[in-house]
Amino acid sequence: MKIEVKQEHIDKGDRTSPCSCPVALALKEAGLPDPGVTETQIRLDVMNSWRSVQIPDEAAAFVRAFDAGESVQPFTFDLPLEPTHAN
């Protein structure tokens, strides 16, 4: 699945919240349920069960830069939809 992180997501993003960072906002816009994003994984609530997917490298680099307060640009990434494990 192609995910587009837009400038509006960056502008509205919150560095202190895994559920409100620009990547999470882009995932929500793409219709994915209750995403939470860290540097290593994307968590989704699928039918009331948390599923984790490894975050793609380019999205992880974006999250690190955004959280560090660095300047970031809109980008697109492919999200692997196969869950790696349930929590």
PDB file of N, CA and C in Angstrom:
ATOM      1  N   MET A   1       0.845  -1.172   0.000  1.00  0.00           N
ATOM      2  CA  MET A   1       0.000   0.000   0.000  1.00  0.00           C
ATOM      3  C   MET A   1       0.893   1.238   0.000  1.00  0.00           C
ATOM      4  N   LYS A   2       0.619   2.170  -0.899  1.00  0.00           N
ATOM      5  CA  LYS A   2       1.384   3.406  -0.998  1.00  0.00           C
ATOM      6  C   LYS A   2       0.813   4.421  -0.004  1.00  0.00           C
ATOM      7  N   ILE A   3       1.700   4.992   0.842  1.00  0.00           N
ATOM      8  CA  ILE A   3       1.316   6.003   1.836  1.00  0.00           C
ATOM      9  C   ILE A   3       2.008   7.309   1.478  1.00  0.00           C
ATOM     10  N   GLU A   4       1.238   8.379   1.413  1.00  0.00           N
ATOM     11  CA  GLU A   4       1.779   9.694   1.072  1.00  0.00           C
ATOM     12  C   GLU A   4       1.752  10.598   2.304  1.00  0.00           C
ATOM     13  N   VAL A   5       2.926  10.984   2.758  1.00  0.00           N
ATOM     14  CA  VAL A   5       3.051  11.936   3.866  1.00  0.00           C
ATOM     15  C   VAL A   5       3.135  13.323   3.234  1.00  0.00           C
ATOM     16  N   LYS A   6       2.090  14.118   3.444  1.00  0.00           N
ATOM     17  CA  LYS A   6       1.971  15.434   2.816  1.00  0.00           C
ATOM     18  C   LYS A   6       2.461  16.537   3.752  1.00  0.00           C
ATOM     19  N   GLN A   7       2.629  17.719   3.176  1.00  0.00           N
ATOM     20  CA  GLN A   7       3.041  18.871   3.979  1.00  0.00           C
ATOM     21  C   GLN A   7       2.031  19.149   5.092  1.00  0.00           C
ATOM     22  N   GLU A   8       0.755  18.962   4.821  1.00  0.00           N
ATOM     23  CA  GLU A   8      -0.266  19.198   5.853  1.00  0.00           C
ATOM     24  C   GLU A   8      -0.085  18.243   7.037  1.00  0.00           C
ATOM     25  N   HIS A   9       0.364  17.014   6.774  1.00  0.00           N
ATOM     26  CA  HIS A   9       0.625  16.072   7.864  1.00  0.00           C
ATOM     27  C   HIS A   9       1.816  16.557   8.696  1.00  0.00           C
ATOM     28  N   ILE A  10       2.836  17.058   8.007  1.00  0.00           N
ATOM     29  CA  ILE A  10       4.017  17.573   8.701  1.00  0.00           C
ATOM     30  C   ILE A  10       3.639  18.774   9.554  1.00  0.00           C
ATOM     31  N   ASP A  11       2.836  19.684   8.977  1.00  0.00           N
ATOM     32  CA  ASP A  11       2.428  20.889   9.695  1.00  0.00           C
ATOM     33  C   ASP A  11       1.596  20.576  10.933  1.00  0.00           C
ATOM     34  N   LYS A  12       0.747  19.551  10.851  1.00  0.00           N
ATOM     35  CA  LYS A  12      -0.136  19.183  11.963  1.00  0.00           C
ATOM     36  C   LYS A  12       0.493  18.159  12.906  1.00  0.00           C
ATOM     37  N   GLY A  13       1.617  17.581  12.518  1.00  0.00           N
ATOM     38  CA  GLY A  13       2.241  16.502  13.285  1.00  0.00           C
ATOM     39  C   GLY A  13       2.725  16.937  14.651  1.00  0.00           C
ATOM     40  N   ASP A  14       2.708  15.980  15.576  1.00  0.00           N
ATOM     41  CA  ASP A  14       3.126  16.206  16.962  1.00  0.00           C
ATOM     42  C   ASP A  14       4.316  15.296  17.262  1.00  0.00           C
ATOM     43  N   ARG A  15       5.456  15.909  17.608  1.00  0.00           N
ATOM     44  CA  ARG A  15       6.672  15.135  17.887  1.00  0.00           C
ATOM     45  C   ARG A  15       6.542  14.259  19.132  1.00  0.00           C
ATOM     46  N   THR A  16       5.615  14.572  19.999  1.00  0.00           N
ATOM     47  CA  THR A  16       5.512  13.850  21.274  1.00  0.00           C
ATOM     48  C   THR A  16       4.482  12.727  21.248  1.00  0.00           C
ATOM     49  N   SER A  17       3.817  12.501  20.121  1.00  0.00           N
ATOM     50  CA  SER A  17       2.742  11.515  20.084  1.00  0.00           C
ATOM     51  C   SER A  17       2.898  10.537  18.924  1.00  0.00           C
ATOM     52  N   PRO A  18       3.058   9.248  19.205  1.00  0.00           N
ATOM     53  CA  PRO A  18       3.146   8.252  18.144  1.00  0.00           C
ATOM     54  C   PRO A  18       1.870   8.155  17.312  1.00  0.00           C
ATOM     55  N   CYS A  19       0.752   8.630  17.862  1.00  0.00           N
ATOM     56  CA  CYS A  19      -0.529   8.563  17.156  1.00  0.00           C
ATOM     57  C   CYS A  19      -0.826   9.830  16.363  1.00  0.00           C
ATOM     58  N   SER A  20      -0.009  10.866  16.532  1.00  0.00           N
ATOM     59  CA  SER A  20      -0.248  12.140  15.845  1.00  0.00           C
ATOM     60  C   SER A  20       0.970  12.640  15.077  1.00  0.00           C
ATOM     61  N   CYS A  21       1.951  11.780  14.845  1.00  0.00           N
ATOM     62  CA  CYS A  21       3.099  12.196  14.035  1.00  0.00           C
ATOM     63  C   CYS A  21       2.642  12.240  12.573  1.00  0.00           C
ATOM     64  N   PRO A  22       3.390  12.885  11.701  1.00  0.00           N
ATOM     65  CA  PRO A  22       2.963  12.982  10.303  1.00  0.00           C
ATOM     66  C   PRO A  22       2.704  11.626   9.635  1.00  0.00           C
ATOM     67  N   VAL A  23       3.516  10.630   9.940  1.00  0.00           N
ATOM     68  CA  VAL A  23       3.308   9.309   9.337  1.00  0.00           C
ATOM     69  C   VAL A  23       1.981   8.718   9.825  1.00  0.00           C
ATOM     70  N   ALA A  24       1.687   8.844  11.113  1.00  0.00           N
ATOM     71  CA  ALA A  24       0.420   8.339  11.646  1.00  0.00           C
ATOM     72  C   ALA A  24      -0.760   9.074  11.011  1.00  0.00           C
ATOM     73  N   LEU A  25      -0.641  10.381  10.837  1.00  0.00           N
ATOM     74  CA  LEU A  25      -1.717  11.149  10.204  1.00  0.00           C
ATOM     75  C   LEU A  25      -1.936  10.695   8.763  1.00  0.00           C
ATOM     76  N   ALA A  26      -0.856  10.407   8.051  1.00  0.00           N
ATOM     77  CA  ALA A  26      -0.977   9.907   6.672  1.00  0.00           C
ATOM     78  C   ALA A  26      -1.628   8.519   6.651  1.00  0.00           C
ATOM     79  N   LEU A  27      -1.283   7.681   7.607  1.00  0.00           N
ATOM     80  CA  LEU A  27      -1.889   6.349   7.691  1.00  0.00           C
ATOM     81  C   LEU A  27      -3.380   6.451   7.972  1.00  0.00           C
ATOM     82  N   LYS A  28      -3.762   7.360   8.862  1.00  0.00           N
ATOM     83  CA  LYS A  28      -5.183   7.583   9.158  1.00  0.00           C
ATOM     84  C   LYS A  28      -5.916   8.027   7.901  1.00  0.00           C
ATOM     85  N   GLU A  29      -5.314   8.966   7.164  1.00  0.00           N
ATOM     86  CA  GLU A  29      -5.939   9.456   5.935  1.00  0.00           C
ATOM     87  C   GLU A  29      -6.112   8.336   4.920  1.00  0.00           C
ATOM     88  N   ALA A  30      -5.194   7.374   4.922  1.00  0.00           N
ATOM     89  CA  ALA A  30      -5.277   6.236   4.004  1.00  0.00           C
ATOM     90  C   ALA A  30      -6.302   5.201   4.465  1.00  0.00           C
ATOM     91  N   GLY A  31      -6.929   5.441   5.626  1.00  0.00           N
ATOM     92  CA  GLY A  31      -7.983   4.556   6.104  1.00  0.00           C
ATOM     93  C   GLY A  31      -7.536   3.459   7.046  1.00  0.00           C
ATOM     94  N   LEU A  32      -6.303   3.522   7.534  1.00  0.00           N
ATOM     95  CA  LEU A  32      -5.825   2.491   8.454  1.00  0.00           C
ATOM     96  C   LEU A  32      -6.245   2.836   9.884  1.00  0.00           C
ATOM     97  N   PRO A  33      -6.645   1.836  10.651  1.00  0.00           N
ATOM     98  CA  PRO A  33      -7.240   2.070  11.962  1.00  0.00           C
ATOM     99  C   PRO A  33      -6.236   2.391  13.065  1.00  0.00           C
ATOM    100  N   ASP A  34      -6.462   3.487  13.767  1.00  0.00           N
ATOM    101  CA  ASP A  34      -5.725   3.871  14.972  1.00  0.00           C
ATOM    102  C   ASP A  34      -4.223   3.589  14.920  1.00  0.00           C
ATOM    103  N   PRO A  35      -3.503   4.140  13.939  1.00  0.00           N
ATOM    104  CA  PRO A  35      -2.078   3.840  13.848  1.00  0.00           C
ATOM    105  C   PRO A  35      -1.256   4.517  14.943  1.00  0.00           C
ATOM    106  N   GLY A  36      -0.228   3.830  15.364  1.00  0.00           N
ATOM    107  CA  GLY A  36       0.794   4.378  16.245  1.00  0.00           C
ATOM    108  C   GLY A  36       2.133   4.103  15.584  1.00  0.00           C
ATOM    109  N   VAL A  37       3.022   5.092  15.581  1.00  0.00           N
ATOM    110  CA  VAL A  37       4.258   4.975  14.819  1.00  0.00           C
ATOM    111  C   VAL A  37       5.466   5.227  15.717  1.00  0.00           C
ATOM    112  N   THR A  38       6.450   4.335  15.626  1.00  0.00           N
ATOM    113  CA  THR A  38       7.740   4.531  16.283  1.00  0.00           C
ATOM    114  C   THR A  38       8.819   4.407  15.210  1.00  0.00           C
ATOM    115  N   GLU A  39      10.068   4.532  15.623  1.00  0.00           N
ATOM    116  CA  GLU A  39      11.171   4.382  14.667  1.00  0.00           C
ATOM    117  C   GLU A  39      11.304   2.953  14.152  1.00  0.00           C
ATOM    118  N   THR A  40      10.682   1.981  14.819  1.00  0.00           N
ATOM    119  CA  THR A  40      10.856   0.586  14.423  1.00  0.00           C
ATOM    120  C   THR A  40       9.585  -0.098  13.947  1.00  0.00           C
ATOM    121  N   GLN A  41       8.417   0.444  14.295  1.00  0.00           N
ATOM    122  CA  GLN A  41       7.196  -0.258  13.915  1.00  0.00           C
ATOM    123  C   GLN A  41       6.002   0.670  13.744  1.00  0.00           C
ATOM    124  N   ILE A  42       5.017   0.143  13.031  1.00  0.00           N
ATOM    125  CA  ILE A  42       3.715   0.775  12.900  1.00  0.00           C
ATOM    126  C   ILE A  42       2.730  -0.179  13.551  1.00  0.00           C
ATOM    127  N   ARG A  43       1.954   0.347  14.489  1.00  0.00           N
ATOM    128  CA  ARG A  43       0.953  -0.482  15.162  1.00  0.00           C
ATOM    129  C   ARG A  43      -0.428  -0.079  14.690  1.00  0.00           C
ATOM    130  N   LEU A  44      -1.240  -1.080  14.381  1.00  0.00           N
ATOM    131  CA  LEU A  44      -2.599  -0.858  13.903  1.00  0.00           C
ATOM    132  C   LEU A  44      -3.567  -1.669  14.739  1.00  0.00           C
ATOM    133  N   ASP A  45      -4.722  -1.098  15.017  1.00  0.00           N
ATOM    134  CA  ASP A  45      -5.783  -1.817  15.721  1.00  0.00           C
ATOM    135  C   ASP A  45      -6.649  -2.492  14.666  1.00  0.00           C
ATOM    136  N   VAL A  46      -6.486  -3.790  14.540  1.00  0.00           N
ATOM    137  CA  VAL A  46      -7.230  -4.559  13.555  1.00  0.00           C
ATOM    138  C   VAL A  46      -8.214  -5.453  14.297  1.00  0.00           C
ATOM    139  N   MET A  47      -9.482  -5.122  14.192  1.00  0.00           N
ATOM    140  CA  MET A  47     -10.552  -5.886  14.850  1.00  0.00           C
ATOM    141  C   MET A  47     -10.262  -6.063  16.340  1.00  0.00           C
ATOM    142  N   ASN A  48      -9.925  -4.958  17.004  1.00  0.00           N
ATOM    143  CA  ASN A  48      -9.647  -4.920  18.447  1.00  0.00           C
ATOM    144  C   ASN A  48      -8.445  -5.754  18.863  1.00  0.00           C
ATOM    145  N   SER A  49      -7.525  -5.976  17.943  1.00  0.00           N
ATOM    146  CA  SER A  49      -6.290  -6.682  18.236  1.00  0.00           C
ATOM    147  C   SER A  49      -5.143  -5.888  17.623  1.00  0.00           C
ATOM    148  N   TRP A  50      -4.140  -5.561  18.439  1.00  0.00           N
ATOM    149  CA  TRP A  50      -3.007  -4.784  17.933  1.00  0.00           C
ATOM    150  C   TRP A  50      -2.129  -5.642  17.042  1.00  0.00           C
ATOM    151  N   ARG A  51      -1.784  -5.099  15.894  1.00  0.00           N
ATOM    152  CA  ARG A  51      -0.873  -5.743  14.943  1.00  0.00           C
ATOM    153  C   ARG A  51       0.285  -4.790  14.697  1.00  0.00           C
ATOM    154  N   SER A  52       1.481  -5.326  14.628  1.00  0.00           N
ATOM    155  CA  SER A  52       2.667  -4.517  14.368  1.00  0.00           C
ATOM    156  C   SER A  52       3.274  -4.888  13.028  1.00  0.00           C
ATOM    157  N   VAL A  53       3.706  -3.863  12.302  1.00  0.00           N
ATOM    158  CA  VAL A  53       4.363  -4.029  11.018  1.00  0.00           C
ATOM    159  C   VAL A  53       5.687  -3.275  11.116  1.00  0.00           C
ATOM    160  N   GLN A  54       6.757  -3.877  10.654  1.00  0.00           N
ATOM    161  CA  GLN A  54       8.044  -3.189  10.663  1.00  0.00           C
ATOM    162  C   GLN A  54       7.943  -1.954   9.774  1.00  0.00           C
ATOM    163  N   ILE A  55       8.420  -0.829  10.293  1.00  0.00           N
ATOM    164  CA  ILE A  55       8.355   0.415   9.535  1.00  0.00           C
ATOM    165  C   ILE A  55       9.421   0.394   8.433  1.00  0.00           C
ATOM    166  N   PRO A  56       9.058   0.790   7.219  1.00  0.00           N
ATOM    167  CA  PRO A  56      10.061   0.847   6.142  1.00  0.00           C
ATOM    168  C   PRO A  56      11.188   1.825   6.487  1.00  0.00           C
ATOM    169  N   ASP A  57      12.375   1.554   5.981  1.00  0.00           N
ATOM    170  CA  ASP A  57      13.564   2.354   6.310  1.00  0.00           C
ATOM    171  C   ASP A  57      13.375   3.846   6.078  1.00  0.00           C
ATOM    172  N   GLU A  58      12.781   4.221   4.932  1.00  0.00           N
ATOM    173  CA  GLU A  58      12.627   5.646   4.629  1.00  0.00           C
ATOM    174  C   GLU A  58      11.666   6.325   5.598  1.00  0.00           C
ATOM    175  N   ALA A  59      10.649   5.609   6.053  1.00  0.00           N
ATOM    176  CA  ALA A  59       9.718   6.177   7.032  1.00  0.00           C
ATOM    177  C   ALA A  59      10.384   6.276   8.400  1.00  0.00           C
ATOM    178  N   ALA A  60      11.203   5.294   8.758  1.00  0.00           N
ATOM    179  CA  ALA A  60      11.929   5.337  10.034  1.00  0.00           C
ATOM    180  C   ALA A  60      12.886   6.519  10.062  1.00  0.00           C
ATOM    181  N   ALA A  61      13.574   6.770   8.950  1.00  0.00           N
ATOM    182  CA  ALA A  61      14.493   7.912   8.886  1.00  0.00           C
ATOM    183  C   ALA A  61      13.721   9.224   9.026  1.00  0.00           C
ATOM    184  N   PHE A  62      12.552   9.299   8.406  1.00  0.00           N
ATOM    185  CA  PHE A  62      11.715  10.493   8.521  1.00  0.00           C
ATOM    186  C   PHE A  62      11.303  10.706   9.981  1.00  0.00           C
ATOM    187  N   VAL A  63      10.834   9.649  10.650  1.00  0.00           N
ATOM    188  CA  VAL A  63      10.395   9.749  12.044  1.00  0.00           C
ATOM    189  C   VAL A  63      11.544  10.228  12.933  1.00  0.00           C
ATOM    190  N   ARG A  64      12.725   9.663  12.746  1.00  0.00           N
ATOM    191  CA  ARG A  64      13.890  10.091  13.541  1.00  0.00           C
ATOM    192  C   ARG A  64      14.170  11.578  13.336  1.00  0.00           C
ATOM    193  N   ALA A  65      14.182  12.015  12.083  1.00  0.00           N
ATOM    194  CA  ALA A  65      14.465  13.425  11.774  1.00  0.00           C
ATOM    195  C   ALA A  65      13.370  14.337  12.323  1.00  0.00           C
ATOM    196  N   PHE A  66      12.113  13.955  12.134  1.00  0.00           N
ATOM    197  CA  PHE A  66      11.003  14.775  12.630  1.00  0.00           C
ATOM    198  C   PHE A  66      11.054  14.899  14.147  1.00  0.00           C
ATOM    199  N   ASP A  67      11.241  13.769  14.821  1.00  0.00           N
ATOM    200  CA  ASP A  67      11.290  13.776  16.286  1.00  0.00           C
ATOM    201  C   ASP A  67      12.469  14.579  16.826  1.00  0.00           C
ATOM    202  N   ALA A  68      13.556  14.672  16.053  1.00  0.00           N
ATOM    203  CA  ALA A  68      14.736  15.433  16.456  1.00  0.00           C
ATOM    204  C   ALA A  68      14.604  16.924  16.136  1.00  0.00           C
ATOM    205  N   GLY A  69      13.486  17.300  15.502  1.00  0.00           N
ATOM    206  CA  GLY A  69      13.275  18.703  15.174  1.00  0.00           C
ATOM    207  C   GLY A  69      13.957  19.152  13.896  1.00  0.00           C
ATOM    208  N   GLU A  70      14.428  18.198  13.112  1.00  0.00           N
ATOM    209  CA  GLU A  70      15.082  18.530  11.847  1.00  0.00           C
ATOM    210  C   GLU A  70      14.035  18.867  10.782  1.00  0.00           C
ATOM    211  N   SER A  71      14.452  19.568   9.765  1.00  0.00           N
ATOM    212  CA  SER A  71      13.586  19.897   8.648  1.00  0.00           C
ATOM    213  C   SER A  71      13.293  18.618   7.853  1.00  0.00           C
ATOM    214  N   VAL A  72      12.030  18.370   7.560  1.00  0.00           N
ATOM    215  CA  VAL A  72      11.630  17.185   6.787  1.00  0.00           C
ATOM    216  C   VAL A  72      10.757  17.625   5.620  1.00  0.00           C
ATOM    217  N   GLN A  73      10.691  16.781   4.622  1.00  0.00           N
ATOM    218  CA  GLN A  73       9.931  17.058   3.408  1.00  0.00           C
ATOM    219  C   GLN A  73       8.873  15.978   3.196  1.00  0.00           C
ATOM    220  N   PRO A  74       7.794  16.305   2.489  1.00  0.00           N
ATOM    221  CA  PRO A  74       6.804  15.279   2.133  1.00  0.00           C
ATOM    222  C   PRO A  74       7.480  14.136   1.371  1.00  0.00           C
ATOM    223  N   PHE A  75       6.928  12.941   1.531  1.00  0.00           N
ATOM    224  CA  PHE A  75       7.483  11.775   0.834  1.00  0.00           C
ATOM    225  C   PHE A  75       6.417  10.695   0.760  1.00  0.00           C
ATOM    226  N   THR A  76       6.696   9.679  -0.018  1.00  0.00           N
ATOM    227  CA  THR A  76       5.795   8.544  -0.185  1.00  0.00           C
ATOM    228  C   THR A  76       6.565   7.271   0.124  1.00  0.00           C
ATOM    229  N   PHE A  77       5.880   6.313   0.758  1.00  0.00           N
ATOM    230  CA  PHE A  77       6.518   5.022   1.018  1.00  0.00           C
ATOM    231  C   PHE A  77       5.517   3.902   0.856  1.00  0.00           C
ATOM    232  N   ASP A  78       6.039   2.707   0.641  1.00  0.00           N
ATOM    233  CA  ASP A  78       5.207   1.514   0.541  1.00  0.00           C
ATOM    234  C   ASP A  78       5.111   0.868   1.914  1.00  0.00           C
ATOM    235  N   LEU A  79       3.893   0.583   2.338  1.00  0.00           N
ATOM    236  CA  LEU A  79       3.667  -0.064   3.624  1.00  0.00           C
ATOM    237  C   LEU A  79       3.392  -1.544   3.413  1.00  0.00           C
ATOM    238  N   PRO A  80       4.236  -2.409   3.982  1.00  0.00           N
ATOM    239  CA  PRO A  80       3.936  -3.846   3.920  1.00  0.00           C
ATOM    240  C   PRO A  80       2.753  -4.123   4.849  1.00  0.00           C
ATOM    241  N   LEU A  81       1.749  -4.772   4.329  1.00  0.00           N
ATOM    242  CA  LEU A  81       0.533  -4.956   5.123  1.00  0.00           C
ATOM    243  C   LEU A  81       0.472  -6.263   5.887  1.00  0.00           C
ATOM    244  N   GLU A  82       1.468  -7.128   5.754  1.00  0.00           N
ATOM    245  CA  GLU A  82       1.454  -8.372   6.509  1.00  0.00           C
ATOM    246  C   GLU A  82       1.928  -8.111   7.933  1.00  0.00           C
ATOM    247  N   PRO A  83       1.077  -8.319   8.945  1.00  0.00           N
ATOM    248  CA  PRO A  83       1.512  -8.119  10.332  1.00  0.00           C
ATOM    249  C   PRO A  83       2.638  -9.074  10.690  1.00  0.00           C
ATOM    250  N   THR A  84       3.616  -8.577  11.460  1.00  0.00           N
ATOM    251  CA  THR A  84       4.735  -9.415  11.872  1.00  0.00           C
ATOM    252  C   THR A  84       4.453 -10.127  13.183  1.00  0.00           C
ATOM    253  N   HIS A  85       3.628  -9.523  14.036  1.00  0.00           N
ATOM    254  CA  HIS A  85       3.228 -10.183  15.276  1.00  0.00           C
ATOM    255  C   HIS A  85       2.105  -9.410  15.934  1.00  0.00           C
ATOM    256  N   ALA A  86       1.384 -10.039  16.821  1.00  0.00           N
ATOM    257  CA  ALA A  86       0.309  -9.378  17.566  1.00  0.00           C
ATOM    258  C   ALA A  86       0.788  -9.149  18.988  1.00  0.00           C
ATOM    259  N   ASN A  87       0.332  -8.052  19.565  1.00  0.00           N
ATOM    260  CA  ASN A  87       0.680  -7.747  20.956  1.00  0.00           C
ATOM    261  C   ASN A  87      -0.534  -7.880  21.837  1.00  0.00           C
TER     262      ASN A  87
END
